[in-house]
Amino acid sequence: MSAAATMSRIAAIKLKPGSSVDQAELFTHCKAYLSSFKVPKRIDFRDQMPMSSFGKILRHDVRKSYWEHQEVKV
């Protein structure tokens, strides 16, 4: 599998304050409600997500942290 295909199957998660969930629960939920090709291969929990001034997640900045050490950037 190419680096691009692997990177596209990572889920970055920030939990709401006071909530808790583990990776096994998330994988089980994803497998129950998503097609098999959409289920993430890896789930990363984050303390913060980069946000715009409008309160939206800056997905490009989230992806950037995963592509830092790759030669080809997608």
C-alpha atoms as a PDB file:
ATOM      1  CA  MET A   1       0.000   0.000   0.000  1.00  0.00           C
ATOM      2  CA  SER A   2       1.365   3.433  -0.892  1.00  0.00           C
ATOM      3  CA  ALA A   3       2.122   6.134   1.665  1.00  0.00           C
ATOM      4  CA  ALA A   4      -0.789   8.211   0.344  1.00  0.00           C
ATOM      5  CA  ALA A   5      -3.238   5.347   0.799  1.00  0.00           C
ATOM      6  CA  THR A   6      -1.990   4.687   4.321  1.00  0.00           C
ATOM      7  CA  MET A   7      -2.149   8.356   5.342  1.00  0.00           C
ATOM      8  CA  SER A   8      -5.705   8.692   4.081  1.00  0.00           C
ATOM      9  CA  ARG A   9      -6.861   6.028   6.538  1.00  0.00           C
ATOM     10  CA  ILE A  10      -5.846   7.812   9.749  1.00  0.00           C
ATOM     11  CA  ALA A  11      -8.454   9.395  12.015  1.00  0.00           C
ATOM     12  CA  ALA A  12      -7.378  12.263  14.288  1.00  0.00           C
ATOM     13  CA  ILE A  13      -9.766  12.536  17.235  1.00  0.00           C
ATOM     14  CA  LYS A  14     -10.216  15.207  19.906  1.00  0.00           C
ATOM     15  CA  LEU A  15     -12.619  14.139  22.626  1.00  0.00           C
ATOM     16  CA  LYS A  16     -15.031  16.518  24.294  1.00  0.00           C
ATOM     17  CA  PRO A  17     -14.164  17.411  27.886  1.00  0.00           C
ATOM     18  CA  GLY A  18     -15.403  14.760  30.299  1.00  0.00           C
ATOM     19  CA  SER A  19     -15.893  12.079  27.658  1.00  0.00           C
ATOM     20  CA  SER A  20     -13.863   8.923  27.298  1.00  0.00           C
ATOM     21  CA  VAL A  21     -13.583   6.239  24.643  1.00  0.00           C
ATOM     22  CA  ASP A  22     -10.874   3.816  23.655  1.00  0.00           C
ATOM     23  CA  GLN A  23      -9.646   2.795  20.227  1.00  0.00           C
ATOM     24  CA  ALA A  24     -11.420  -0.577  20.321  1.00  0.00           C
ATOM     25  CA  GLU A  25     -14.808   1.106  20.808  1.00  0.00           C
ATOM     26  CA  LEU A  26     -14.161   3.517  17.941  1.00  0.00           C
ATOM     27  CA  PHE A  27     -13.045   0.741  15.592  1.00  0.00           C
ATOM     28  CA  THR A  28     -16.150  -1.284  16.481  1.00  0.00           C
ATOM     29  CA  HIS A  29     -18.392   1.731  15.826  1.00  0.00           C
ATOM     30  CA  CYS A  30     -16.668   2.499  12.504  1.00  0.00           C
ATOM     31  CA  LYS A  31     -16.923  -1.103  11.325  1.00  0.00           C
ATOM     32  CA  ALA A  32     -20.638  -1.154  12.174  1.00  0.00           C
ATOM     33  CA  TYR A  33     -21.544   2.113  10.414  1.00  0.00           C
ATOM     34  CA  LEU A  34     -18.961   2.608   7.635  1.00  0.00           C
ATOM     35  CA  SER A  35     -18.032   0.712   4.518  1.00  0.00           C
ATOM     36  CA  SER A  36     -14.888  -1.367   4.988  1.00  0.00           C
ATOM     37  CA  PHE A  37     -12.765   0.902   2.784  1.00  0.00           C
ATOM     38  CA  LYS A  38     -13.686   3.924   4.945  1.00  0.00           C
ATOM     39  CA  VAL A  39     -12.746   2.378   8.302  1.00  0.00           C
ATOM     40  CA  PRO A  40      -9.514   4.021   9.516  1.00  0.00           C
ATOM     41  CA  LYS A  41      -6.392   1.900   9.891  1.00  0.00           C
ATOM     42  CA  ARG A  42      -5.182   4.049  12.765  1.00  0.00           C
ATOM     43  CA  ILE A  43      -6.821   6.375  15.282  1.00  0.00           C
ATOM     44  CA  ASP A  44      -4.791   9.162  16.895  1.00  0.00           C
ATOM     45  CA  PHE A  45      -6.099  11.006  19.927  1.00  0.00           C
ATOM     46  CA  ARG A  46      -5.150  14.687  20.071  1.00  0.00           C
ATOM     47  CA  ASP A  47      -5.294  17.221  22.866  1.00  0.00           C
ATOM     48  CA  GLN A  48      -5.973  20.071  20.432  1.00  0.00           C
ATOM     49  CA  MET A  49      -6.961  20.591  16.834  1.00  0.00           C
ATOM     50  CA  PRO A  50      -5.782  23.580  14.813  1.00  0.00           C
ATOM     51  CA  MET A  51      -8.758  25.903  14.432  1.00  0.00           C
ATOM     52  CA  SER A  52      -9.539  28.864  12.188  1.00  0.00           C
ATOM     53  CA  SER A  53     -10.875  32.139  13.505  1.00  0.00           C
ATOM     54  CA  PHE A  54     -14.329  30.860  12.467  1.00  0.00           C
ATOM     55  CA  GLY A  55     -14.022  27.787  14.707  1.00  0.00           C
ATOM     56  CA  LYS A  56     -13.462  25.268  11.927  1.00  0.00           C
ATOM     57  CA  ILE A  57     -10.767  22.594  12.023  1.00  0.00           C
ATOM     58  CA  LEU A  58      -7.836  23.387   9.744  1.00  0.00           C
ATOM     59  CA  ARG A  59      -7.579  19.979   8.113  1.00  0.00           C
ATOM     60  CA  HIS A  60      -4.520  20.976   6.072  1.00  0.00           C
ATOM     61  CA  ASP A  61      -2.611  21.686   9.295  1.00  0.00           C
ATOM     62  CA  VAL A  62      -3.717  18.360  10.786  1.00  0.00           C
ATOM     63  CA  ARG A  63      -2.462  16.518   7.694  1.00  0.00           C
ATOM     64  CA  LYS A  64       0.795  18.472   7.692  1.00  0.00           C
ATOM     65  CA  SER A  65       1.935  16.825  10.932  1.00  0.00           C
ATOM     66  CA  TYR A  66       1.603  13.383   9.332  1.00  0.00           C
ATOM     67  CA  TRP A  67       3.452  14.343   6.149  1.00  0.00           C
ATOM     68  CA  GLU A  68       6.475  16.085   7.723  1.00  0.00           C
ATOM     69  CA  HIS A  69       8.911  13.233   7.148  1.00  0.00           C
ATOM     70  CA  GLN A  70       7.575  12.021   3.798  1.00  0.00           C
ATOM     71  CA  GLU A  71       9.238  12.818   0.479  1.00  0.00           C
ATOM     72  CA  VAL A  72       5.964  13.021  -1.438  1.00  0.00           C
ATOM     73  CA  LYS A  73       3.281  15.217   0.064  1.00  0.00           C
ATOM     74  CA  VAL A  74      -0.368  14.762  -0.885  1.00  0.00           C
END
